[in-house]
Amino acid sequence: MHLNQKQRGVAVGMVVGLAFSFVVVFYGARVFINLDAADCFAISFLLPAVALFVAIARLAKHRFFNAADIDGSALTAGTDQARLLQALLQNTLEQLALAIPVYIVALFGSHESVQDAVPVCACTFLAGRVLFFVSYKRGASARAFGFAITFYPTVLLMGWQLLLVFS
């Protein structure tokens, strides 16, 4: 199978993001060892919410200041910028829909090591979203790492919990 340049760039970004995510999930919890439960919950849920807020606010600001887009996507075809911001918002919502149930189960579970990993995953969620947002226009290979460090920590945390439940 031959991959084109973009596919190779995406693959590299995803593999580097996956390796980074392994470190984050399985070793990064040491950063937050002294957090109490309230701070752990706050970090775990507020940081992903910040990413969603930024995506919503960017689109809302664009629509407010752009006459072609002010009526919203259901009533207009939308400019290229509005479609781009809508894609960023949609992708963030998809990532958040996966992360939140995984974080909830991890935080309420009985395995302290899994609980300790959640705030670190939330930090990488926000960092990944920021990288994804700023690199999106440069193409798939440019945004692959940001996508990966948003997605893979959640997937690894979910897999870790499933292994613990079924072992």
N, C-alpha and C. Protein backbone atom coordinates (compact mmCIF):
# COMPACT_ATOMS: atom_id res chain seq x y z
N MET A 1 0.85 -1.18 0.00
CA MET A 1 0.00 0.00 0.00
C MET A 1 0.90 1.24 0.00
N HIS A 2 0.64 2.12 -0.93
CA HIS A 2 1.41 3.35 -1.05
C HIS A 2 0.60 4.52 -0.50
N LEU A 3 1.22 5.26 0.40
CA LEU A 3 0.57 6.42 0.98
C LEU A 3 1.09 7.68 0.31
N ASN A 4 0.21 8.63 0.06
CA ASN A 4 0.67 9.89 -0.49
C ASN A 4 1.28 10.74 0.63
N GLN A 5 1.81 11.89 0.28
CA GLN A 5 2.52 12.74 1.23
C GLN A 5 1.61 13.16 2.39
N LYS A 6 0.38 13.52 2.10
CA LYS A 6 -0.54 13.91 3.17
C LYS A 6 -0.83 12.75 4.11
N GLN A 7 -1.05 11.59 3.55
CA GLN A 7 -1.32 10.41 4.39
C GLN A 7 -0.13 10.08 5.28
N ARG A 8 1.08 10.19 4.73
CA ARG A 8 2.28 9.95 5.54
C ARG A 8 2.39 10.99 6.64
N GLY A 9 2.09 12.23 6.33
CA GLY A 9 2.13 13.30 7.33
C GLY A 9 1.13 13.07 8.45
N VAL A 10 -0.08 12.63 8.09
CA VAL A 10 -1.09 12.32 9.09
C VAL A 10 -0.64 11.15 9.95
N ALA A 11 -0.11 10.11 9.30
CA ALA A 11 0.35 8.93 10.03
C ALA A 11 1.44 9.30 11.04
N VAL A 12 2.38 10.12 10.64
CA VAL A 12 3.45 10.54 11.55
C VAL A 12 2.86 11.32 12.73
N GLY A 13 1.98 12.27 12.44
CA GLY A 13 1.37 13.05 13.52
C GLY A 13 0.57 12.19 14.48
N MET A 14 -0.14 11.21 13.95
CA MET A 14 -0.94 10.32 14.80
C MET A 14 -0.06 9.40 15.64
N VAL A 15 1.02 8.87 15.05
CA VAL A 15 1.91 7.98 15.79
C VAL A 15 2.63 8.76 16.90
N VAL A 16 3.12 9.95 16.59
CA VAL A 16 3.77 10.77 17.61
C VAL A 16 2.75 11.14 18.69
N GLY A 17 1.54 11.47 18.28
CA GLY A 17 0.49 11.78 19.25
C GLY A 17 0.12 10.60 20.12
N LEU A 18 0.11 9.41 19.54
CA LEU A 18 -0.18 8.20 20.32
C LEU A 18 0.92 7.94 21.34
N ALA A 19 2.17 8.07 20.93
CA ALA A 19 3.29 7.87 21.85
C ALA A 19 3.23 8.89 22.99
N PHE A 20 2.98 10.15 22.65
CA PHE A 20 2.82 11.20 23.65
C PHE A 20 1.68 10.85 24.60
N SER A 21 0.59 10.34 24.06
CA SER A 21 -0.58 10.01 24.86
C SER A 21 -0.31 8.88 25.84
N PHE A 22 0.49 7.89 25.44
CA PHE A 22 0.87 6.82 26.36
C PHE A 22 1.59 7.40 27.58
N VAL A 23 2.52 8.31 27.32
CA VAL A 23 3.26 8.94 28.42
C VAL A 23 2.30 9.72 29.30
N VAL A 24 1.43 10.49 28.69
CA VAL A 24 0.47 11.31 29.44
C VAL A 24 -0.42 10.45 30.33
N VAL A 25 -1.02 9.43 29.76
CA VAL A 25 -2.00 8.63 30.50
C VAL A 25 -1.34 7.80 31.59
N PHE A 26 -0.23 7.17 31.28
CA PHE A 26 0.34 6.21 32.22
C PHE A 26 1.42 6.76 33.14
N TYR A 27 1.96 7.95 32.80
CA TYR A 27 3.00 8.52 33.65
C TYR A 27 2.74 9.98 34.04
N GLY A 28 1.87 10.63 33.33
CA GLY A 28 1.63 12.06 33.56
C GLY A 28 0.88 12.39 34.83
N ALA A 29 0.22 11.42 35.42
CA ALA A 29 -0.58 11.68 36.62
C ALA A 29 0.28 12.15 37.78
N ARG A 30 1.55 11.90 37.73
CA ARG A 30 2.44 12.34 38.81
C ARG A 30 2.44 13.86 38.95
N VAL A 31 2.07 14.57 37.90
CA VAL A 31 2.02 16.03 37.94
C VAL A 31 0.96 16.51 38.93
N PHE A 32 -0.13 15.78 39.05
CA PHE A 32 -1.26 16.22 39.85
C PHE A 32 -1.45 15.39 41.13
N ILE A 33 -0.40 14.83 41.64
CA ILE A 33 -0.52 13.91 42.78
C ILE A 33 -1.19 14.55 44.00
N ASN A 34 -0.96 15.80 44.26
CA ASN A 34 -1.47 16.42 45.49
C ASN A 34 -2.82 17.13 45.32
N LEU A 35 -3.53 16.88 44.25
CA LEU A 35 -4.83 17.51 44.05
C LEU A 35 -5.87 16.85 44.94
N ASP A 36 -6.75 17.68 45.50
CA ASP A 36 -7.89 17.09 46.20
C ASP A 36 -8.96 16.76 45.17
N ALA A 37 -9.99 16.06 45.59
CA ALA A 37 -11.02 15.58 44.66
C ALA A 37 -11.70 16.72 43.92
N ALA A 38 -12.00 17.82 44.62
CA ALA A 38 -12.69 18.94 43.99
C ALA A 38 -11.85 19.55 42.88
N ASP A 39 -10.56 19.75 43.12
CA ASP A 39 -9.69 20.31 42.09
C ASP A 39 -9.52 19.34 40.92
N CYS A 40 -9.46 18.06 41.23
CA CYS A 40 -9.36 17.03 40.20
C CYS A 40 -10.58 17.09 39.28
N PHE A 41 -11.76 17.18 39.86
CA PHE A 41 -12.98 17.29 39.07
C PHE A 41 -13.00 18.58 38.28
N ALA A 42 -12.61 19.68 38.91
CA ALA A 42 -12.64 20.98 38.22
C ALA A 42 -11.75 20.95 36.98
N ILE A 43 -10.53 20.49 37.13
CA ILE A 43 -9.62 20.42 35.98
C ILE A 43 -10.17 19.48 34.92
N SER A 44 -10.66 18.35 35.36
CA SER A 44 -11.12 17.31 34.43
C SER A 44 -12.29 17.74 33.56
N PHE A 45 -13.15 18.60 34.09
CA PHE A 45 -14.33 18.99 33.32
C PHE A 45 -14.28 20.42 32.79
N LEU A 46 -13.59 21.30 33.48
CA LEU A 46 -13.54 22.69 33.01
C LEU A 46 -12.62 22.87 31.81
N LEU A 47 -11.49 22.19 31.77
CA LEU A 47 -10.58 22.38 30.64
C LEU A 47 -11.19 21.93 29.31
N PRO A 48 -11.83 20.76 29.24
CA PRO A 48 -12.52 20.44 27.99
C PRO A 48 -13.65 21.43 27.67
N ALA A 49 -14.32 21.93 28.71
CA ALA A 49 -15.38 22.92 28.50
C ALA A 49 -14.80 24.22 27.93
N VAL A 50 -13.60 24.58 28.34
CA VAL A 50 -12.94 25.77 27.79
C VAL A 50 -12.73 25.59 26.28
N ALA A 51 -12.31 24.39 25.87
CA ALA A 51 -12.12 24.13 24.44
C ALA A 51 -13.42 24.31 23.68
N LEU A 52 -14.51 23.80 24.24
CA LEU A 52 -15.81 23.95 23.60
C LEU A 52 -16.23 25.42 23.57
N PHE A 53 -16.02 26.13 24.67
CA PHE A 53 -16.34 27.56 24.73
C PHE A 53 -15.60 28.31 23.63
N VAL A 54 -14.32 28.05 23.46
CA VAL A 54 -13.53 28.75 22.45
C VAL A 54 -14.09 28.48 21.06
N ALA A 55 -14.43 27.23 20.78
CA ALA A 55 -14.98 26.89 19.46
C ALA A 55 -16.32 27.59 19.22
N ILE A 56 -17.18 27.60 20.23
CA ILE A 56 -18.48 28.28 20.10
C ILE A 56 -18.28 29.78 19.94
N ALA A 57 -17.42 30.37 20.77
CA ALA A 57 -17.22 31.82 20.75
C ALA A 57 -16.62 32.28 19.42
N ARG A 58 -15.70 31.51 18.88
CA ARG A 58 -15.10 31.90 17.60
C ARG A 58 -16.15 31.94 16.49
N LEU A 59 -17.02 30.94 16.44
CA LEU A 59 -18.05 30.92 15.41
C LEU A 59 -19.08 32.02 15.65
N ALA A 60 -19.47 32.22 16.89
CA ALA A 60 -20.45 33.27 17.21
C ALA A 60 -19.90 34.65 16.85
N LYS A 61 -18.66 34.90 17.19
CA LYS A 61 -18.04 36.19 16.86
C LYS A 61 -18.00 36.39 15.35
N HIS A 62 -17.60 35.35 14.64
CA HIS A 62 -17.55 35.46 13.18
C HIS A 62 -18.93 35.78 12.62
N ARG A 63 -19.94 35.05 13.07
CA ARG A 63 -21.29 35.29 12.55
C ARG A 63 -21.78 36.69 12.87
N PHE A 64 -21.50 37.18 14.07
CA PHE A 64 -21.96 38.51 14.46
C PHE A 64 -21.37 39.59 13.56
N PHE A 65 -20.09 39.45 13.23
CA PHE A 65 -19.41 40.49 12.46
C PHE A 65 -19.41 40.24 10.95
N ASN A 66 -20.11 39.21 10.48
CA ASN A 66 -20.13 38.91 9.06
C ASN A 66 -21.59 38.83 8.59
N ALA A 67 -21.99 39.80 7.78
CA ALA A 67 -23.38 39.89 7.34
C ALA A 67 -23.84 38.64 6.59
N ALA A 68 -22.95 38.00 5.87
CA ALA A 68 -23.32 36.81 5.10
C ALA A 68 -23.60 35.60 6.00
N ASP A 69 -23.11 35.63 7.23
CA ASP A 69 -23.25 34.49 8.12
C ASP A 69 -24.10 34.74 9.37
N ILE A 70 -24.56 35.96 9.55
CA ILE A 70 -25.22 36.30 10.82
C ILE A 70 -26.52 35.52 11.04
N ASP A 71 -27.17 35.07 9.97
CA ASP A 71 -28.42 34.32 10.12
C ASP A 71 -28.21 32.86 10.50
N GLY A 72 -26.97 32.40 10.51
CA GLY A 72 -26.69 31.03 10.93
C GLY A 72 -26.64 30.05 9.78
N SER A 73 -26.12 28.88 10.07
CA SER A 73 -25.88 27.90 9.01
C SER A 73 -27.15 27.27 8.46
N ALA A 74 -28.22 27.28 9.20
CA ALA A 74 -29.46 26.67 8.70
C ALA A 74 -30.15 27.57 7.68
N LEU A 75 -29.83 28.86 7.69
CA LEU A 75 -30.51 29.80 6.79
C LEU A 75 -29.64 30.32 5.66
N THR A 76 -28.35 30.04 5.71
CA THR A 76 -27.44 30.50 4.66
C THR A 76 -26.50 29.36 4.28
N ALA A 77 -25.87 29.49 3.13
CA ALA A 77 -24.88 28.50 2.70
C ALA A 77 -23.62 28.61 3.54
N GLY A 78 -23.34 29.79 4.06
CA GLY A 78 -22.17 30.01 4.89
C GLY A 78 -20.92 30.31 4.09
N THR A 79 -20.13 31.22 4.62
CA THR A 79 -18.85 31.54 3.99
C THR A 79 -17.86 30.42 4.30
N ASP A 80 -16.73 30.46 3.62
CA ASP A 80 -15.69 29.46 3.88
C ASP A 80 -15.25 29.50 5.34
N GLN A 81 -15.10 30.70 5.89
CA GLN A 81 -14.67 30.83 7.29
C GLN A 81 -15.72 30.27 8.25
N ALA A 82 -16.98 30.53 7.99
CA ALA A 82 -18.03 29.99 8.85
C ALA A 82 -18.05 28.46 8.79
N ARG A 83 -17.87 27.90 7.61
CA ARG A 83 -17.83 26.44 7.49
C ARG A 83 -16.63 25.85 8.20
N LEU A 84 -15.49 26.54 8.13
CA LEU A 84 -14.30 26.07 8.83
C LEU A 84 -14.53 26.10 10.34
N LEU A 85 -15.04 27.20 10.86
CA LEU A 85 -15.29 27.32 12.30
C LEU A 85 -16.35 26.32 12.75
N GLN A 86 -17.34 26.05 11.90
CA GLN A 86 -18.35 25.05 12.23
C GLN A 86 -17.74 23.66 12.29
N ALA A 87 -16.80 23.36 11.39
CA ALA A 87 -16.11 22.07 11.41
C ALA A 87 -15.29 21.91 12.69
N LEU A 88 -14.62 22.97 13.11
CA LEU A 88 -13.85 22.92 14.36
C LEU A 88 -14.76 22.70 15.56
N LEU A 89 -15.89 23.38 15.57
CA LEU A 89 -16.86 23.19 16.65
C LEU A 89 -17.42 21.78 16.64
N GLN A 90 -17.77 21.28 15.48
CA GLN A 90 -18.32 19.93 15.37
C GLN A 90 -17.32 18.88 15.85
N ASN A 91 -16.06 19.02 15.43
CA ASN A 91 -15.05 18.06 15.85
C ASN A 91 -14.83 18.12 17.35
N THR A 92 -14.86 19.31 17.92
CA THR A 92 -14.69 19.47 19.36
C THR A 92 -15.86 18.83 20.11
N LEU A 93 -17.06 19.01 19.62
CA LEU A 93 -18.22 18.36 20.24
C LEU A 93 -18.10 16.83 20.20
N GLU A 94 -17.64 16.31 19.08
CA GLU A 94 -17.47 14.86 18.96
C GLU A 94 -16.44 14.35 19.96
N GLN A 95 -15.33 15.06 20.07
CA GLN A 95 -14.29 14.67 21.03
C GLN A 95 -14.82 14.75 22.46
N LEU A 96 -15.56 15.79 22.76
CA LEU A 96 -16.11 15.98 24.10
C LEU A 96 -17.15 14.91 24.44
N ALA A 97 -17.95 14.53 23.46
CA ALA A 97 -18.96 13.49 23.68
C ALA A 97 -18.31 12.16 24.05
N LEU A 98 -17.13 11.90 23.56
CA LEU A 98 -16.40 10.69 23.93
C LEU A 98 -15.70 10.87 25.28
N ALA A 99 -15.08 12.01 25.49
CA ALA A 99 -14.26 12.22 26.69
C ALA A 99 -15.07 12.26 27.98
N ILE A 100 -16.18 12.97 27.99
CA ILE A 100 -16.91 13.18 29.25
C ILE A 100 -17.36 11.87 29.90
N PRO A 101 -18.00 10.94 29.21
CA PRO A 101 -18.37 9.69 29.90
C PRO A 101 -17.15 8.90 30.37
N VAL A 102 -16.08 8.92 29.59
CA VAL A 102 -14.87 8.21 30.00
C VAL A 102 -14.29 8.84 31.26
N TYR A 103 -14.26 10.18 31.31
CA TYR A 103 -13.75 10.88 32.50
C TYR A 103 -14.63 10.60 33.71
N ILE A 104 -15.93 10.61 33.52
CA ILE A 104 -16.85 10.36 34.65
C ILE A 104 -16.62 8.98 35.23
N VAL A 105 -16.58 7.98 34.38
CA VAL A 105 -16.37 6.60 34.85
C VAL A 105 -15.01 6.49 35.55
N ALA A 106 -14.00 7.12 35.00
CA ALA A 106 -12.66 7.06 35.61
C ALA A 106 -12.64 7.73 36.98
N LEU A 107 -13.26 8.88 37.08
CA LEU A 107 -13.22 9.62 38.34
C LEU A 107 -14.04 8.96 39.44
N PHE A 108 -15.09 8.26 39.06
CA PHE A 108 -15.93 7.59 40.05
C PHE A 108 -15.53 6.13 40.27
N GLY A 109 -14.54 5.67 39.51
CA GLY A 109 -14.09 4.29 39.65
C GLY A 109 -13.25 4.09 40.90
N SER A 110 -12.89 2.86 41.13
CA SER A 110 -12.17 2.51 42.35
C SER A 110 -10.66 2.45 42.18
N HIS A 111 -10.17 2.74 40.99
CA HIS A 111 -8.73 2.65 40.74
C HIS A 111 -8.10 4.04 40.78
N GLU A 112 -7.34 4.28 41.83
CA GLU A 112 -6.75 5.60 42.03
C GLU A 112 -5.82 6.01 40.90
N SER A 113 -5.08 5.06 40.35
CA SER A 113 -4.16 5.40 39.26
C SER A 113 -4.92 5.90 38.04
N VAL A 114 -6.09 5.34 37.78
CA VAL A 114 -6.91 5.80 36.66
C VAL A 114 -7.48 7.19 36.98
N GLN A 115 -7.95 7.37 38.20
CA GLN A 115 -8.48 8.67 38.61
C GLN A 115 -7.42 9.77 38.45
N ASP A 116 -6.19 9.45 38.83
CA ASP A 116 -5.12 10.44 38.75
C ASP A 116 -4.77 10.82 37.30
N ALA A 117 -5.08 9.96 36.37
CA ALA A 117 -4.76 10.24 34.97
C ALA A 117 -5.75 11.21 34.32
N VAL A 118 -6.94 11.35 34.88
CA VAL A 118 -7.98 12.15 34.22
C VAL A 118 -7.61 13.63 34.08
N PRO A 119 -7.13 14.32 35.12
CA PRO A 119 -6.77 15.73 34.92
C PRO A 119 -5.69 15.94 33.86
N VAL A 120 -4.77 14.99 33.77
CA VAL A 120 -3.73 15.10 32.74
C VAL A 120 -4.34 14.94 31.35
N CYS A 121 -5.27 14.00 31.24
CA CYS A 121 -5.99 13.84 29.97
C CYS A 121 -6.75 15.11 29.60
N ALA A 122 -7.35 15.75 30.60
CA ALA A 122 -8.08 16.99 30.35
C ALA A 122 -7.15 18.10 29.89
N CYS A 123 -5.96 18.15 30.45
CA CYS A 123 -4.98 19.15 30.01
C CYS A 123 -4.58 18.91 28.56
N THR A 124 -4.34 17.65 28.21
CA THR A 124 -3.98 17.37 26.82
C THR A 124 -5.16 17.57 25.89
N PHE A 125 -6.38 17.38 26.40
CA PHE A 125 -7.57 17.66 25.59
C PHE A 125 -7.54 19.12 25.16
N LEU A 126 -7.36 20.02 26.13
CA LEU A 126 -7.35 21.45 25.82
C LEU A 126 -6.16 21.80 24.93
N ALA A 127 -4.98 21.29 25.25
CA ALA A 127 -3.81 21.58 24.42
C ALA A 127 -4.00 21.04 23.00
N GLY A 128 -4.56 19.85 22.90
CA GLY A 128 -4.82 19.27 21.59
C GLY A 128 -5.80 20.08 20.77
N ARG A 129 -6.83 20.56 21.42
CA ARG A 129 -7.81 21.39 20.71
C ARG A 129 -7.16 22.68 20.21
N VAL A 130 -6.36 23.33 21.06
CA VAL A 130 -5.70 24.57 20.65
C VAL A 130 -4.80 24.31 19.44
N LEU A 131 -4.00 23.25 19.52
CA LEU A 131 -3.13 22.90 18.38
C LEU A 131 -3.95 22.58 17.13
N PHE A 132 -5.05 21.87 17.30
CA PHE A 132 -5.92 21.53 16.18
C PHE A 132 -6.49 22.80 15.55
N PHE A 133 -6.96 23.72 16.39
CA PHE A 133 -7.55 24.97 15.89
C PHE A 133 -6.52 25.78 15.09
N VAL A 134 -5.33 25.98 15.65
CA VAL A 134 -4.36 26.86 14.99
C VAL A 134 -3.72 26.22 13.77
N SER A 135 -3.74 24.90 13.68
CA SER A 135 -3.10 24.23 12.54
C SER A 135 -4.08 23.76 11.48
N TYR A 136 -5.36 23.91 11.71
CA TYR A 136 -6.37 23.32 10.83
C TYR A 136 -6.21 23.76 9.37
N LYS A 137 -6.01 25.05 9.16
CA LYS A 137 -5.93 25.57 7.78
C LYS A 137 -4.70 25.08 7.03
N ARG A 138 -3.71 24.57 7.75
CA ARG A 138 -2.48 24.10 7.10
C ARG A 138 -2.61 22.67 6.61
N GLY A 139 -3.75 22.03 6.83
CA GLY A 139 -4.00 20.72 6.26
C GLY A 139 -3.97 19.59 7.27
N ALA A 140 -4.31 18.41 6.76
CA ALA A 140 -4.50 17.24 7.60
C ALA A 140 -3.24 16.84 8.36
N SER A 141 -2.09 16.87 7.71
CA SER A 141 -0.87 16.46 8.41
C SER A 141 -0.49 17.46 9.49
N ALA A 142 -0.79 18.73 9.29
CA ALA A 142 -0.46 19.75 10.30
C ALA A 142 -1.33 19.60 11.54
N ARG A 143 -2.57 19.20 11.37
CA ARG A 143 -3.48 19.13 12.51
C ARG A 143 -3.54 17.74 13.15
N ALA A 144 -2.86 16.76 12.59
CA ALA A 144 -2.94 15.38 13.08
C ALA A 144 -2.48 15.25 14.52
N PHE A 145 -1.39 15.90 14.91
CA PHE A 145 -0.90 15.79 16.27
C PHE A 145 -1.90 16.37 17.26
N GLY A 146 -2.48 17.52 16.95
CA GLY A 146 -3.49 18.12 17.83
C GLY A 146 -4.71 17.22 17.98
N PHE A 147 -5.13 16.63 16.88
CA PHE A 147 -6.23 15.67 16.95
C PHE A 147 -5.84 14.49 17.82
N ALA A 148 -4.64 13.96 17.59
CA ALA A 148 -4.20 12.75 18.30
C ALA A 148 -4.12 12.96 19.80
N ILE A 149 -3.60 14.12 20.24
CA ILE A 149 -3.46 14.29 21.69
C ILE A 149 -4.78 14.71 22.34
N THR A 150 -5.79 14.98 21.55
CA THR A 150 -7.14 15.12 22.09
C THR A 150 -7.79 13.75 22.19
N PHE A 151 -7.65 12.95 21.16
CA PHE A 151 -8.36 11.68 21.02
C PHE A 151 -7.72 10.52 21.78
N TYR A 152 -6.43 10.29 21.58
CA TYR A 152 -5.80 9.10 22.14
C TYR A 152 -5.77 9.02 23.66
N PRO A 153 -5.56 10.10 24.39
CA PRO A 153 -5.63 9.96 25.85
C PRO A 153 -6.99 9.44 26.32
N THR A 154 -8.05 9.90 25.69
CA THR A 154 -9.38 9.41 26.04
C THR A 154 -9.52 7.93 25.72
N VAL A 155 -9.06 7.54 24.54
CA VAL A 155 -9.16 6.14 24.12
C VAL A 155 -8.32 5.24 25.03
N LEU A 156 -7.12 5.68 25.36
CA LEU A 156 -6.27 4.89 26.25
C LEU A 156 -6.87 4.79 27.65
N LEU A 157 -7.42 5.87 28.15
CA LEU A 157 -8.07 5.86 29.46
C LEU A 157 -9.27 4.91 29.44
N MET A 158 -10.03 4.93 28.37
CA MET A 158 -11.17 4.04 28.23
C MET A 158 -10.70 2.58 28.18
N GLY A 159 -9.70 2.31 27.38
CA GLY A 159 -9.18 0.96 27.27
C GLY A 159 -8.62 0.45 28.59
N TRP A 160 -7.93 1.31 29.32
CA TRP A 160 -7.37 0.95 30.62
C TRP A 160 -8.48 0.55 31.58
N GLN A 161 -9.57 1.32 31.57
CA GLN A 161 -10.70 1.02 32.45
C GLN A 161 -11.38 -0.29 32.05
N LEU A 162 -11.52 -0.51 30.76
CA LEU A 162 -12.13 -1.76 30.31
C LEU A 162 -11.29 -2.97 30.71
N LEU A 163 -9.97 -2.83 30.58
CA LEU A 163 -9.10 -3.93 31.02
C LEU A 163 -9.25 -4.20 32.51
N LEU A 164 -9.33 -3.16 33.31
CA LEU A 164 -9.48 -3.33 34.75
C LEU A 164 -10.83 -3.95 35.11
N VAL A 165 -11.86 -3.55 34.41
CA VAL A 165 -13.21 -4.07 34.69
C VAL A 165 -13.29 -5.55 34.34
N PHE A 166 -12.70 -5.94 33.21
CA PHE A 166 -12.85 -7.31 32.73
C PHE A 166 -11.71 -8.24 33.16
N SER A 167 -10.81 -7.75 34.01
CA SER A 167 -9.72 -8.64 34.47
C SER A 167 -9.93 -9.08 35.90
